[in-house]
Protein backbone atom coordinates (compact mmCIF):
# COMPACT_ATOMS: atom_id res chain seq x y z
CA UNK A 1 9.17 45.83 1.99
CA UNK A 2 7.14 44.58 4.93
CA UNK A 3 5.23 41.33 5.04
CA UNK A 4 1.97 43.25 4.81
CA UNK A 5 3.11 45.08 1.68
CA UNK A 6 4.29 41.82 0.10
CA UNK A 7 0.95 40.20 0.83
CA UNK A 8 -0.89 43.16 -0.68
CA UNK A 9 1.33 43.01 -3.79
CA UNK A 10 0.70 39.29 -4.20
CA UNK A 11 -3.05 39.82 -3.82
CA UNK A 12 -2.96 42.59 -6.43
CA UNK A 13 -0.98 40.43 -8.87
CA UNK A 14 -3.43 37.55 -8.50
CA UNK A 15 -6.43 39.82 -9.06
CA UNK A 16 -4.73 41.40 -12.09
CA UNK A 17 -3.98 37.99 -13.59
CA UNK A 18 -7.59 36.86 -13.07
CA UNK A 19 -8.89 40.01 -14.74
CA UNK A 20 -6.57 39.58 -17.74
CA UNK A 21 -7.56 35.93 -18.14
CA UNK A 22 -11.26 36.82 -18.07
CA UNK A 23 -10.69 39.57 -20.62
CA UNK A 24 -8.93 37.20 -23.03
CA UNK A 25 -11.68 34.59 -22.66
CA UNK A 26 -14.33 37.22 -23.35
CA UNK A 27 -12.60 38.41 -26.52
CA UNK A 28 -12.15 34.82 -27.70
CA UNK A 29 -15.87 34.16 -27.21
CA UNK A 30 -16.74 37.20 -29.31
CA UNK A 31 -14.46 36.04 -32.13
CA UNK A 32 -15.92 32.53 -32.08
CA UNK A 33 -19.46 33.94 -32.12
CA UNK A 34 -18.66 36.18 -35.07
CA UNK A 35 -17.14 33.24 -36.96
CA UNK A 36 -20.20 31.10 -36.29
CA UNK A 37 -22.51 33.87 -37.50
CA UNK A 38 -20.43 34.34 -40.67
CA UNK A 39 -20.40 30.61 -41.44
CA UNK A 40 -24.15 30.39 -40.89
CA UNK A 41 -24.69 33.20 -43.38
CA UNK A 42 -22.41 31.59 -45.96
CA UNK A 43 -24.16 28.25 -45.64
CA UNK A 44 -27.57 29.90 -45.89
CA UNK A 45 -26.56 31.69 -49.08
CA UNK A 46 -25.02 28.56 -50.56
CA UNK A 47 -28.12 26.57 -49.73
CA UNK A 48 -30.34 29.09 -51.49
CA UNK A 49 -28.00 29.37 -54.47
CA UNK A 50 -27.54 25.65 -55.02
CA UNK A 51 -31.16 24.66 -54.29
CA UNK A 52 -32.38 21.37 -52.93
CA UNK A 53 -31.05 19.35 -55.89
CA UNK A 54 -27.49 19.81 -54.65
CA UNK A 55 -28.19 19.17 -50.97
CA UNK A 56 -25.28 16.73 -50.69
CA UNK A 57 -22.86 19.41 -51.88
CA UNK A 58 -24.22 21.89 -49.34
CA UNK A 59 -23.87 19.32 -46.57
CA UNK A 60 -20.28 18.66 -47.64
CA UNK A 61 -19.44 22.38 -47.68
CA UNK A 62 -21.01 22.78 -44.24
CA UNK A 63 -18.96 19.89 -42.92
CA UNK A 64 -15.75 21.37 -44.34
CA UNK A 65 -16.50 24.80 -42.85
CA UNK A 66 -17.21 23.32 -39.44
CA UNK A 67 -13.97 21.31 -39.49
CA UNK A 68 -11.95 24.39 -40.36
């Protein structure tokens, strides 16, 4: 393998690694966004179900969900 071929292989490996890293980060962002949307919906439903009288309980549940 010539020096030129080695350099080309190294360049290709670096580009491939960068692409894979970006792909993983993108998928992770989608999962986090979906989780945030789900938790927002759950909290909204709990807030409506428990009414304003139990606001402390709703705040506690929200805090627990965020910490998880």
